[in-house]
Amino acid sequence: PTKAALLERLRIVYGAARVVDQLSVGTVATPAAWGEYVAKLINPNL
């Protein structure tokens, strides 16, 4: 779900055709609400 949400946010900002997905899912330590914070970083100002 975190991967899907981040990719969706990127496609909204940049357009689906430009986004190349090389993300993987694994056992990692996650700060609280990490995915939400990262999604907010991906904004049109980038």
PDB file of all heavy atoms in Angstrom:
ATOM      1  N   PRO A   1       0.810  -1.224   0.000  1.00  0.00           N
ATOM      2  CA  PRO A   1       0.000   0.000   0.000  1.00  0.00           C
ATOM      3  C   PRO A   1       0.841   1.271   0.000  1.00  0.00           C
ATOM      4  O   PRO A   1       0.485   2.250  -0.672  1.00  0.00           O
ATOM      5  CB  PRO A   1      -0.834  -0.129   1.280  1.00  0.00           C
ATOM      6  CG  PRO A   1      -0.945  -1.597   1.502  1.00  0.00           C
ATOM      7  CD  PRO A   1       0.387  -2.152   1.074  1.00  0.00           C
ATOM      8  N   THR A   2       1.954   1.277   0.751  1.00  0.00           N
ATOM      9  CA  THR A   2       2.831   2.449   0.759  1.00  0.00           C
ATOM     10  C   THR A   2       3.434   2.670  -0.625  1.00  0.00           C
ATOM     11  O   THR A   2       3.474   3.797  -1.130  1.00  0.00           O
ATOM     12  CB  THR A   2       3.960   2.276   1.794  1.00  0.00           C
ATOM     13  OG1 THR A   2       3.392   2.150   3.090  1.00  0.00           O
ATOM     14  CG2 THR A   2       4.910   3.468   1.771  1.00  0.00           C
ATOM     15  N   LYS A   3       3.890   1.589  -1.244  1.00  0.00           N
ATOM     16  CA  LYS A   3       4.444   1.688  -2.601  1.00  0.00           C
ATOM     17  C   LYS A   3       3.414   2.234  -3.574  1.00  0.00           C
ATOM     18  O   LYS A   3       3.697   3.151  -4.352  1.00  0.00           O
ATOM     19  CB  LYS A   3       4.938   0.317  -3.056  1.00  0.00           C
ATOM     20  CG  LYS A   3       5.417   0.296  -4.503  1.00  0.00           C
ATOM     21  CD  LYS A   3       5.894  -1.085  -4.919  1.00  0.00           C
ATOM     22  CE  LYS A   3       6.265  -1.117  -6.398  1.00  0.00           C
ATOM     23  NZ  LYS A   3       6.779  -2.445  -6.827  1.00  0.00           N
ATOM     24  N   ALA A   4       2.205   1.680  -3.523  1.00  0.00           N
ATOM     25  CA  ALA A   4       1.158   2.108  -4.454  1.00  0.00           C
ATOM     26  C   ALA A   4       0.808   3.574  -4.263  1.00  0.00           C
ATOM     27  O   ALA A   4       0.612   4.315  -5.240  1.00  0.00           O
ATOM     28  CB  ALA A   4      -0.081   1.240  -4.264  1.00  0.00           C
ATOM     29  N   ALA A   5       0.744   4.026  -3.001  1.00  0.00           N
ATOM     30  CA  ALA A   5       0.390   5.419  -2.720  1.00  0.00           C
ATOM     31  C   ALA A   5       1.459   6.373  -3.227  1.00  0.00           C
ATOM     32  O   ALA A   5       1.151   7.439  -3.789  1.00  0.00           O
ATOM     33  CB  ALA A   5       0.172   5.604  -1.220  1.00  0.00           C
ATOM     34  N   LEU A   6       2.734   6.009  -3.041  1.00  0.00           N
ATOM     35  CA  LEU A   6       3.829   6.871  -3.507  1.00  0.00           C
ATOM     36  C   LEU A   6       3.859   6.940  -5.032  1.00  0.00           C
ATOM     37  O   LEU A   6       4.058   8.019  -5.618  1.00  0.00           O
ATOM     38  CB  LEU A   6       5.161   6.362  -2.966  1.00  0.00           C
ATOM     39  CG  LEU A   6       5.370   6.500  -1.456  1.00  0.00           C
ATOM     40  CD1 LEU A   6       6.691   5.859  -1.040  1.00  0.00           C
ATOM     41  CD2 LEU A   6       5.345   7.967  -1.030  1.00  0.00           C
ATOM     42  N   LEU A   7       3.668   5.815  -5.684  1.00  0.00           N
ATOM     43  CA  LEU A   7       3.664   5.815  -7.146  1.00  0.00           C
ATOM     44  C   LEU A   7       2.491   6.625  -7.699  1.00  0.00           C
ATOM     45  O   LEU A   7       2.636   7.353  -8.685  1.00  0.00           O
ATOM     46  CB  LEU A   7       3.610   4.385  -7.672  1.00  0.00           C
ATOM     47  CG  LEU A   7       4.876   3.547  -7.466  1.00  0.00           C
ATOM     48  CD1 LEU A   7       4.630   2.106  -7.879  1.00  0.00           C
ATOM     49  CD2 LEU A   7       6.054   4.131  -8.237  1.00  0.00           C
ATOM     50  N   GLU A   8       1.347   6.510  -7.056  1.00  0.00           N
ATOM     51  CA  GLU A   8       0.188   7.279  -7.490  1.00  0.00           C
ATOM     52  C   GLU A   8       0.444   8.769  -7.364  1.00  0.00           C
ATOM     53  O   GLU A   8       0.089   9.565  -8.244  1.00  0.00           O
ATOM     54  CB  GLU A   8      -1.036   6.880  -6.675  1.00  0.00           C
ATOM     55  CG  GLU A   8      -2.297   7.671  -7.010  1.00  0.00           C
ATOM     56  CD  GLU A   8      -2.768   7.485  -8.443  1.00  0.00           C
ATOM     57  OE1 GLU A   8      -2.372   6.483  -9.087  1.00  0.00           O
ATOM     58  OE2 GLU A   8      -3.544   8.326  -8.928  1.00  0.00           O
ATOM     59  N   ARG A   9       1.077   9.161  -6.260  1.00  0.00           N
ATOM     60  CA  ARG A   9       1.384  10.583  -6.057  1.00  0.00           C
ATOM     61  C   ARG A   9       2.359  11.084  -7.128  1.00  0.00           C
ATOM     62  O   ARG A   9       2.186  12.175  -7.690  1.00  0.00           O
ATOM     63  CB  ARG A   9       1.990  10.790  -4.662  1.00  0.00           C
ATOM     64  CG  ARG A   9       2.316  12.225  -4.330  1.00  0.00           C
ATOM     65  CD  ARG A   9       1.076  13.076  -4.325  1.00  0.00           C
ATOM     66  NE  ARG A   9       1.405  14.483  -4.073  1.00  0.00           N
ATOM     67  CZ  ARG A   9       0.613  15.485  -4.384  1.00  0.00           C
ATOM     68  NH1 ARG A   9      -0.565  15.256  -4.958  1.00  0.00           N
ATOM     69  NH2 ARG A   9       0.963  16.710  -4.112  1.00  0.00           N
ATOM     70  N   LEU A  10       3.367  10.299  -7.436  1.00  0.00           N
ATOM     71  CA  LEU A  10       4.328  10.670  -8.471  1.00  0.00           C
ATOM     72  C   LEU A  10       3.648  10.813  -9.829  1.00  0.00           C
ATOM     73  O   LEU A  10       3.946  11.729 -10.598  1.00  0.00           O
ATOM     74  CB  LEU A  10       5.444   9.629  -8.551  1.00  0.00           C
ATOM     75  CG  LEU A  10       6.501   9.694  -7.462  1.00  0.00           C
ATOM     76  CD1 LEU A  10       7.303   8.412  -7.422  1.00  0.00           C
ATOM     77  CD2 LEU A  10       7.415  10.887  -7.692  1.00  0.00           C
ATOM     78  N   ARG A  11       2.732   9.900 -10.136  1.00  0.00           N
ATOM     79  CA  ARG A  11       2.054   9.951 -11.430  1.00  0.00           C
ATOM     80  C   ARG A  11       1.139  11.163 -11.533  1.00  0.00           C
ATOM     81  O   ARG A  11       0.970  11.722 -12.618  1.00  0.00           O
ATOM     82  CB  ARG A  11       1.282   8.642 -11.636  1.00  0.00           C
ATOM     83  CG  ARG A  11       2.207   7.458 -11.894  1.00  0.00           C
ATOM     84  CD  ARG A  11       1.534   6.120 -11.711  1.00  0.00           C
ATOM     85  NE  ARG A  11       2.489   5.036 -11.947  1.00  0.00           N
ATOM     86  CZ  ARG A  11       2.386   3.821 -11.411  1.00  0.00           C
ATOM     87  NH1 ARG A  11       1.367   3.536 -10.622  1.00  0.00           N
ATOM     88  NH2 ARG A  11       3.298   2.909 -11.669  1.00  0.00           N
ATOM     89  N   ILE A  12       0.562  11.577 -10.407  1.00  0.00           N
ATOM     90  CA  ILE A  12      -0.274  12.779 -10.410  1.00  0.00           C
ATOM     91  C   ILE A  12       0.571  14.021 -10.697  1.00  0.00           C
ATOM     92  O   ILE A  12       0.188  14.891 -11.486  1.00  0.00           O
ATOM     93  CB  ILE A  12      -1.003  12.927  -9.058  1.00  0.00           C
ATOM     94  CG1 ILE A  12      -2.089  11.865  -8.916  1.00  0.00           C
ATOM     95  CG2 ILE A  12      -1.608  14.322  -8.914  1.00  0.00           C
ATOM     96  CD1 ILE A  12      -2.717  11.801  -7.547  1.00  0.00           C
ATOM     97  N   VAL A  13       1.746  14.098 -10.068  1.00  0.00           N
ATOM     98  CA  VAL A  13       2.601  15.286 -10.196  1.00  0.00           C
ATOM     99  C   VAL A  13       3.314  15.325 -11.549  1.00  0.00           C
ATOM    100  O   VAL A  13       3.368  16.369 -12.205  1.00  0.00           O
ATOM    101  CB  VAL A  13       3.626  15.341  -9.042  1.00  0.00           C
ATOM    102  CG1 VAL A  13       4.652  16.459  -9.287  1.00  0.00           C
ATOM    103  CG2 VAL A  13       2.912  15.573  -7.716  1.00  0.00           C
ATOM    104  N   TYR A  14       3.862  14.182 -11.997  1.00  0.00           N
ATOM    105  CA  TYR A  14       4.718  14.178 -13.183  1.00  0.00           C
ATOM    106  C   TYR A  14       4.062  13.586 -14.433  1.00  0.00           C
ATOM    107  O   TYR A  14       4.582  13.753 -15.537  1.00  0.00           O
ATOM    108  CB  TYR A  14       6.010  13.405 -12.896  1.00  0.00           C
ATOM    109  CG  TYR A  14       6.970  14.149 -12.002  1.00  0.00           C
ATOM    110  CD1 TYR A  14       7.071  13.843 -10.652  1.00  0.00           C
ATOM    111  CD2 TYR A  14       7.766  15.175 -12.494  1.00  0.00           C
ATOM    112  CE1 TYR A  14       7.933  14.526  -9.828  1.00  0.00           C
ATOM    113  CE2 TYR A  14       8.639  15.863 -11.681  1.00  0.00           C
ATOM    114  CZ  TYR A  14       8.717  15.539 -10.341  1.00  0.00           C
ATOM    115  OH  TYR A  14       9.575  16.227  -9.529  1.00  0.00           O
ATOM    116  N   GLY A  15       2.965  12.881 -14.249  1.00  0.00           N
ATOM    117  CA  GLY A  15       2.367  12.172 -15.369  1.00  0.00           C
ATOM    118  C   GLY A  15       2.810  10.721 -15.365  1.00  0.00           C
ATOM    119  O   GLY A  15       3.994  10.423 -15.161  1.00  0.00           O
ATOM    120  N   ALA A  16       1.868   9.811 -15.595  1.00  0.00           N
ATOM    121  CA  ALA A  16       2.159   8.382 -15.485  1.00  0.00           C
ATOM    122  C   ALA A  16       3.268   7.933 -16.428  1.00  0.00           C
ATOM    123  O   ALA A  16       4.078   7.070 -16.092  1.00  0.00           O
ATOM    124  CB  ALA A  16       0.882   7.579 -15.748  1.00  0.00           C
ATOM    125  N   ALA A  17       3.329   8.525 -17.615  1.00  0.00           N
ATOM    126  CA  ALA A  17       4.294   8.065 -18.618  1.00  0.00           C
ATOM    127  C   ALA A  17       5.738   8.321 -18.209  1.00  0.00           C
ATOM    128  O   ALA A  17       6.650   7.637 -18.682  1.00  0.00           O
ATOM    129  CB  ALA A  17       4.012   8.745 -19.955  1.00  0.00           C
ATOM    130  N   ARG A  18       5.966   9.288 -17.315  1.00  0.00           N
ATOM    131  CA  ARG A  18       7.346   9.643 -16.950  1.00  0.00           C
ATOM    132  C   ARG A  18       7.883   8.843 -15.760  1.00  0.00           C
ATOM    133  O   ARG A  18       9.090   8.841 -15.525  1.00  0.00           O
ATOM    134  CB  ARG A  18       7.439  11.134 -16.621  1.00  0.00           C
ATOM    135  CG  ARG A  18       7.217  12.046 -17.792  1.00  0.00           C
ATOM    136  CD  ARG A  18       7.456  13.494 -17.398  1.00  0.00           C
ATOM    137  NE  ARG A  18       8.832  13.744 -16.997  1.00  0.00           N
ATOM    138  CZ  ARG A  18       9.259  14.854 -16.410  1.00  0.00           C
ATOM    139  NH1 ARG A  18       8.400  15.798 -16.121  1.00  0.00           N
ATOM    140  NH2 ARG A  18      10.523  15.006 -16.100  1.00  0.00           N
ATOM    141  N   VAL A  19       7.012   8.196 -15.009  1.00  0.00           N
ATOM    142  CA  VAL A  19       7.434   7.545 -13.769  1.00  0.00           C
ATOM    143  C   VAL A  19       7.932   6.130 -14.049  1.00  0.00           C
ATOM    144  O   VAL A  19       7.211   5.304 -14.613  1.00  0.00           O
ATOM    145  CB  VAL A  19       6.280   7.507 -12.745  1.00  0.00           C
ATOM    146  CG1 VAL A  19       6.721   6.767 -11.474  1.00  0.00           C
ATOM    147  CG2 VAL A  19       5.828   8.922 -12.402  1.00  0.00           C
ATOM    148  N   VAL A  20       9.187   5.865 -13.667  1.00  0.00           N
ATOM    149  CA  VAL A  20       9.785   4.541 -13.823  1.00  0.00           C
ATOM    150  C   VAL A  20       9.884   3.908 -12.436  1.00  0.00           C
ATOM    151  O   VAL A  20      10.606   4.409 -11.567  1.00  0.00           O
ATOM    152  CB  VAL A  20      11.174   4.624 -14.474  1.00  0.00           C
ATOM    153  CG1 VAL A  20      11.814   3.245 -14.548  1.00  0.00           C
ATOM    154  CG2 VAL A  20      11.067   5.235 -15.863  1.00  0.00           C
ATOM    155  N   ASP A  21       9.165   2.836 -12.227  1.00  0.00           N
ATOM    156  CA  ASP A  21       9.064   2.197 -10.912  1.00  0.00           C
ATOM    157  C   ASP A  21      10.188   1.186 -10.703  1.00  0.00           C
ATOM    158  O   ASP A  21      10.226   0.144 -11.356  1.00  0.00           O
ATOM    159  CB  ASP A  21       7.702   1.511 -10.790  1.00  0.00           C
ATOM    160  CG  ASP A  21       7.581   0.660  -9.526  1.00  0.00           C
ATOM    161  OD1 ASP A  21       8.361   0.885  -8.566  1.00  0.00           O
ATOM    162  OD2 ASP A  21       6.704  -0.223  -9.501  1.00  0.00           O
ATOM    163  N   GLN A  22      11.109   1.516  -9.785  1.00  0.00           N
ATOM    164  CA  GLN A  22      12.125   0.561  -9.363  1.00  0.00           C
ATOM    165  C   GLN A  22      12.058   0.352  -7.854  1.00  0.00           C
ATOM    166  O   GLN A  22      13.024  -0.049  -7.214  1.00  0.00           O
ATOM    167  CB  GLN A  22      13.518   1.059  -9.783  1.00  0.00           C
ATOM    168  CG  GLN A  22      13.706   1.123 -11.287  1.00  0.00           C
ATOM    169  CD  GLN A  22      15.094   1.576 -11.713  1.00  0.00           C
ATOM    170  OE1 GLN A  22      15.958   1.861 -10.875  1.00  0.00           O
ATOM    171  NE2 GLN A  22      15.318   1.655 -13.009  1.00  0.00           N
ATOM    172  N   LEU A  23      10.900   0.648  -7.262  1.00  0.00           N
ATOM    173  CA  LEU A  23      10.696   0.465  -5.825  1.00  0.00           C
ATOM    174  C   LEU A  23      10.532  -1.019  -5.500  1.00  0.00           C
ATOM    175  O   LEU A  23       9.936  -1.767  -6.266  1.00  0.00           O
ATOM    176  CB  LEU A  23       9.452   1.213  -5.355  1.00  0.00           C
ATOM    177  CG  LEU A  23       9.585   2.671  -4.945  1.00  0.00           C
ATOM    178  CD1 LEU A  23       8.208   3.221  -4.582  1.00  0.00           C
ATOM    179  CD2 LEU A  23      10.551   2.847  -3.774  1.00  0.00           C
ATOM    180  N   SER A  24      11.027  -1.408  -4.334  1.00  0.00           N
ATOM    181  CA  SER A  24      10.813  -2.766  -3.849  1.00  0.00           C
ATOM    182  C   SER A  24      10.176  -2.718  -2.467  1.00  0.00           C
ATOM    183  O   SER A  24      10.211  -1.687  -1.788  1.00  0.00           O
ATOM    184  CB  SER A  24      12.129  -3.538  -3.799  1.00  0.00           C
ATOM    185  OG  SER A  24      13.047  -2.900  -2.918  1.00  0.00           O
ATOM    186  N   VAL A  25       9.569  -3.818  -2.070  1.00  0.00           N
ATOM    187  CA  VAL A  25       8.962  -3.947  -0.749  1.00  0.00           C
ATOM    188  C   VAL A  25       9.801  -4.920   0.062  1.00  0.00           C
ATOM    189  O   VAL A  25      10.169  -6.000  -0.423  1.00  0.00           O
ATOM    190  CB  VAL A  25       7.508  -4.456  -0.853  1.00  0.00           C
ATOM    191  CG1 VAL A  25       6.915  -4.706   0.531  1.00  0.00           C
ATOM    192  CG2 VAL A  25       6.658  -3.460  -1.628  1.00  0.00           C
ATOM    193  N   GLY A  26      10.140  -4.530   1.301  1.00  0.00           N
ATOM    194  CA  GLY A  26      10.985  -5.381   2.131  1.00  0.00           C
ATOM    195  C   GLY A  26      10.794  -5.103   3.601  1.00  0.00           C
ATOM    196  O   GLY A  26       9.962  -4.274   3.999  1.00  0.00           O
ATOM    197  N   THR A  27      11.590  -5.778   4.392  1.00  0.00           N
ATOM    198  CA  THR A  27      11.539  -5.601   5.839  1.00  0.00           C
ATOM    199  C   THR A  27      12.410  -4.409   6.216  1.00  0.00           C
ATOM    200  O   THR A  27      13.646  -4.483   6.164  1.00  0.00           O
ATOM    201  CB  THR A  27      12.034  -6.864   6.557  1.00  0.00           C
ATOM    202  OG1 THR A  27      11.255  -7.977   6.121  1.00  0.00           O
ATOM    203  CG2 THR A  27      11.910  -6.710   8.064  1.00  0.00           C
ATOM    204  N   VAL A  28      11.769  -3.305   6.519  1.00  0.00           N
ATOM    205  CA  VAL A  28      12.488  -2.071   6.839  1.00  0.00           C
ATOM    206  C   VAL A  28      11.843  -1.423   8.058  1.00  0.00           C
ATOM    207  O   VAL A  28      10.674  -1.660   8.374  1.00  0.00           O
ATOM    208  CB  VAL A  28      12.463  -1.072   5.658  1.00  0.00           C
ATOM    209  CG1 VAL A  28      13.316  -1.561   4.510  1.00  0.00           C
ATOM    210  CG2 VAL A  28      11.030  -0.831   5.198  1.00  0.00           C
ATOM    211  N   ALA A  29      12.624  -0.616   8.760  1.00  0.00           N
ATOM    212  CA  ALA A  29      12.104   0.154   9.890  1.00  0.00           C
ATOM    213  C   ALA A  29      11.412   1.394   9.348  1.00  0.00           C
ATOM    214  O   ALA A  29      11.976   2.117   8.525  1.00  0.00           O
ATOM    215  CB  ALA A  29      13.244   0.553  10.829  1.00  0.00           C
ATOM    216  N   THR A  30      10.198   1.656   9.787  1.00  0.00           N
ATOM    217  CA  THR A  30       9.409   2.755   9.254  1.00  0.00           C
ATOM    218  C   THR A  30       9.052   3.758  10.341  1.00  0.00           C
ATOM    219  O   THR A  30       8.338   3.403  11.292  1.00  0.00           O
ATOM    220  CB  THR A  30       8.106   2.234   8.624  1.00  0.00           C
ATOM    221  OG1 THR A  30       8.413   1.216   7.672  1.00  0.00           O
ATOM    222  CG2 THR A  30       7.344   3.350   7.952  1.00  0.00           C
ATOM    223  N   PRO A  31       9.525   5.008  10.244  1.00  0.00           N
ATOM    224  CA  PRO A  31       9.065   6.032  11.191  1.00  0.00           C
ATOM    225  C   PRO A  31       7.552   6.191  11.106  1.00  0.00           C
ATOM    226  O   PRO A  31       6.944   5.893  10.074  1.00  0.00           O
ATOM    227  CB  PRO A  31       9.787   7.301  10.705  1.00  0.00           C
ATOM    228  CG  PRO A  31      10.952   6.802   9.927  1.00  0.00           C
ATOM    229  CD  PRO A  31      10.490   5.521   9.285  1.00  0.00           C
ATOM    230  N   ALA A  32       6.961   6.680  12.157  1.00  0.00           N
ATOM    231  CA  ALA A  32       5.501   6.831  12.184  1.00  0.00           C
ATOM    232  C   ALA A  32       5.016   7.676  11.012  1.00  0.00           C
ATOM    233  O   ALA A  32       5.563   8.746  10.731  1.00  0.00           O
ATOM    234  CB  ALA A  32       5.085   7.473  13.507  1.00  0.00           C
ATOM    235  N   ALA A  33       3.991   7.176  10.323  1.00  0.00           N
ATOM    236  CA  ALA A  33       3.357   7.876   9.189  1.00  0.00           C
ATOM    237  C   ALA A  33       4.369   8.243   8.100  1.00  0.00           C
ATOM    238  O   ALA A  33       4.190   9.246   7.397  1.00  0.00           O
ATOM    239  CB  ALA A  33       2.622   9.119   9.674  1.00  0.00           C
ATOM    240  N   TRP A  34       5.386   7.435   7.927  1.00  0.00           N
ATOM    241  CA  TRP A  34       6.466   7.739   6.970  1.00  0.00           C
ATOM    242  C   TRP A  34       5.924   7.932   5.553  1.00  0.00           C
ATOM    243  O   TRP A  34       6.260   8.889   4.872  1.00  0.00           O
ATOM    244  CB  TRP A  34       7.500   6.616   6.990  1.00  0.00           C
ATOM    245  CG  TRP A  34       8.707   6.863   6.132  1.00  0.00           C
ATOM    246  CD1 TRP A  34       9.825   7.564   6.465  1.00  0.00           C
ATOM    247  CD2 TRP A  34       8.926   6.385   4.795  1.00  0.00           C
ATOM    248  NE1 TRP A  34      10.721   7.558   5.424  1.00  0.00           N
ATOM    249  CE2 TRP A  34      10.192   6.840   4.384  1.00  0.00           C
ATOM    250  CE3 TRP A  34       8.170   5.620   3.908  1.00  0.00           C
ATOM    251  CZ2 TRP A  34      10.728   6.555   3.137  1.00  0.00           C
ATOM    252  CZ3 TRP A  34       8.697   5.334   2.663  1.00  0.00           C
ATOM    253  CH2 TRP A  34       9.959   5.803   2.281  1.00  0.00           C
ATOM    254  N   GLY A  35       5.086   7.021   5.106  1.00  0.00           N
ATOM    255  CA  GLY A  35       4.563   7.119   3.752  1.00  0.00           C
ATOM    256  C   GLY A  35       3.778   8.383   3.508  1.00  0.00           C
ATOM    257  O   GLY A  35       3.864   8.997   2.435  1.00  0.00           O
ATOM    258  N   GLU A  36       3.013   8.812   4.527  1.00  0.00           N
ATOM    259  CA  GLU A  36       2.232  10.039   4.387  1.00  0.00           C
ATOM    260  C   GLU A  36       3.131  11.258   4.267  1.00  0.00           C
ATOM    261  O   GLU A  36       2.871  12.159   3.460  1.00  0.00           O
ATOM    262  CB  GLU A  36       1.295  10.190   5.585  1.00  0.00           C
ATOM    263  CG  GLU A  36       0.234   9.113   5.681  1.00  0.00           C
ATOM    264  CD  GLU A  36      -0.600   9.248   6.935  1.00  0.00           C
ATOM    265  OE1 GLU A  36      -0.602  10.352   7.526  1.00  0.00           O
ATOM    266  OE2 GLU A  36      -1.253   8.261   7.330  1.00  0.00           O
ATOM    267  N   TYR A  37       4.179  11.292   5.090  1.00  0.00           N
ATOM    268  CA  TYR A  37       5.103  12.433   5.025  1.00  0.00           C
ATOM    269  C   TYR A  37       5.812  12.492   3.667  1.00  0.00           C
ATOM    270  O   TYR A  37       5.957  13.568   3.071  1.00  0.00           O
ATOM    271  CB  TYR A  37       6.132  12.348   6.151  1.00  0.00           C
ATOM    272  CG  TYR A  37       5.616  12.817   7.488  1.00  0.00           C
ATOM    273  CD1 TYR A  37       5.543  11.948   8.565  1.00  0.00           C
ATOM    274  CD2 TYR A  37       5.199  14.134   7.678  1.00  0.00           C
ATOM    275  CE1 TYR A  37       5.064  12.369   9.807  1.00  0.00           C
ATOM    276  CE2 TYR A  37       4.723  14.568   8.910  1.00  0.00           C
ATOM    277  CZ  TYR A  37       4.658  13.683   9.961  1.00  0.00           C
ATOM    278  OH  TYR A  37       4.182  14.109  11.179  1.00  0.00           O
ATOM    279  N   VAL A  38       6.257  11.328   3.188  1.00  0.00           N
ATOM    280  CA  VAL A  38       6.972  11.306   1.906  1.00  0.00           C
ATOM    281  C   VAL A  38       6.041  11.730   0.766  1.00  0.00           C
ATOM    282  O   VAL A  38       6.441  12.478  -0.126  1.00  0.00           O
ATOM    283  CB  VAL A  38       7.575   9.919   1.644  1.00  0.00           C
ATOM    284  CG1 VAL A  38       8.192   9.862   0.241  1.00  0.00           C
ATOM    285  CG2 VAL A  38       8.637   9.585   2.684  1.00  0.00           C
ATOM    286  N   ALA A  39       4.804  11.271   0.808  1.00  0.00           N
ATOM    287  CA  ALA A  39       3.851  11.656  -0.238  1.00  0.00           C
ATOM    288  C   ALA A  39       3.659  13.164  -0.286  1.00  0.00           C
ATOM    289  O   ALA A  39       3.533  13.758  -1.365  1.00  0.00           O
ATOM    290  CB  ALA A  39       2.515  10.951  -0.004  1.00  0.00           C
ATOM    291  N   LYS A  40       3.661  13.802   0.887  1.00  0.00           N
ATOM    292  CA  LYS A  40       3.516  15.260   0.929  1.00  0.00           C
ATOM    293  C   LYS A  40       4.731  15.966   0.326  1.00  0.00           C
ATOM    294  O   LYS A  40       4.619  17.085  -0.194  1.00  0.00           O
ATOM    295  CB  LYS A  40       3.307  15.724   2.368  1.00  0.00           C
ATOM    296  CG  LYS A  40       1.956  15.323   2.956  1.00  0.00           C
ATOM    297  CD  LYS A  40       1.840  15.777   4.403  1.00  0.00           C
ATOM    298  CE  LYS A  40       0.514  15.337   5.016  1.00  0.00           C
ATOM    299  NZ  LYS A  40       0.414  15.738   6.442  1.00  0.00           N
ATOM    300  N   LEU A  41       5.904  15.325   0.412  1.00  0.00           N
ATOM    301  CA  LEU A  41       7.111  15.926  -0.176  1.00  0.00           C
ATOM    302  C   LEU A  41       7.026  15.973  -1.704  1.00  0.00           C
ATOM    303  O   LEU A  41       7.637  16.831  -2.345  1.00  0.00           O
ATOM    304  CB  LEU A  41       8.357  15.124   0.212  1.00  0.00           C
ATOM    305  CG  LEU A  41       8.809  15.191   1.667  1.00  0.00           C
ATOM    306  CD1 LEU A  41       9.989  14.244   1.886  1.00  0.00           C
ATOM    307  CD2 LEU A  41       9.192  16.615   2.054  1.00  0.00           C
ATOM    308  N   ILE A  42       6.282  15.036  -2.272  1.00  0.00           N
ATOM    309  CA  ILE A  42       6.181  14.957  -3.736  1.00  0.00           C
ATOM    310  C   ILE A  42       5.078  15.914  -4.182  1.00  0.00           C
ATOM    311  O   ILE A  42       3.910  15.553  -4.307  1.00  0.00           O
ATOM    312  CB  ILE A  42       5.887  13.515  -4.181  1.00  0.00           C
ATOM    313  CG1 ILE A  42       6.965  12.569  -3.663  1.00  0.00           C
ATOM    314  CG2 ILE A  42       5.813  13.445  -5.711  1.00  0.00           C
ATOM    315  CD1 ILE A  42       6.604  11.106  -3.794  1.00  0.00           C
ATOM    316  N   ASN A  43       5.446  17.162  -4.383  1.00  0.00           N
ATOM    317  CA  ASN A  43       4.481  18.192  -4.750  1.00  0.00           C
ATOM    318  C   ASN A  43       4.949  18.913  -6.014  1.00  0.00           C
ATOM    319  O   ASN A  43       6.104  18.764  -6.438  1.00  0.00           O
ATOM    320  CB  ASN A  43       4.279  19.172  -3.591  1.00  0.00           C
ATOM    321  CG  ASN A  43       5.533  19.938  -3.263  1.00  0.00           C
ATOM    322  OD1 ASN A  43       5.960  20.797  -4.025  1.00  0.00           O
ATOM    323  ND2 ASN A  43       6.149  19.642  -2.115  1.00  0.00           N
ATOM    324  N   PRO A  44       4.074  19.686  -6.643  1.00  0.00           N
ATOM    325  CA  PRO A  44       4.435  20.332  -7.924  1.00  0.00           C
ATOM    326  C   PRO A  44       5.657  21.231  -7.869  1.00  0.00           C
ATOM    327  O   PRO A  44       6.293  21.465  -8.897  1.00  0.00           O
ATOM    328  CB  PRO A  44       3.164  21.127  -8.267  1.00  0.00           C
ATOM    329  CG  PRO A  44       2.063  20.357  -7.631  1.00  0.00           C
ATOM    330  CD  PRO A  44       2.633  19.848  -6.336  1.00  0.00           C
ATOM    331  N   ASN A  45       6.025  21.734  -6.682  1.00  0.00           N
ATOM    332  CA  ASN A  45       7.217  22.576  -6.597  1.00  0.00           C
ATOM    333  C   ASN A  45       8.481  21.837  -7.013  1.00  0.00           C
ATOM    334  O   ASN A  45       9.458  22.454  -7.456  1.00  0.00           O
ATOM    335  CB  ASN A  45       7.397  23.109  -5.166  1.00  0.00           C
ATOM    336  CG  ASN A  45       6.699  24.439  -4.967  1.00  0.00           C
ATOM    337  OD1 ASN A  45       6.205  25.041  -5.917  1.00  0.00           O
ATOM    338  ND2 ASN A  45       6.645  24.907  -3.734  1.00  0.00           N
ATOM    339  N   LEU A  46       8.483  20.507  -6.875  1.00  0.00           N
ATOM    340  CA  LEU A  46       9.663  19.744  -7.282  1.00  0.00           C
ATOM    341  C   LEU A  46       9.922  19.875  -8.781  1.00  0.00           C
ATOM    342  O   LEU A  46      11.041  19.680  -9.241  1.00  0.00           O
ATOM    343  CB  LEU A  46       9.502  18.267  -6.916  1.00  0.00           C
ATOM    344  CG  LEU A  46       9.582  17.910  -5.432  1.00  0.00           C
ATOM    345  CD1 LEU A  46       9.465  16.401  -5.251  1.00  0.00           C
ATOM    346  CD2 LEU A  46      10.865  18.422  -4.805  1.00  0.00           C
TER     347      LEU A  46
END
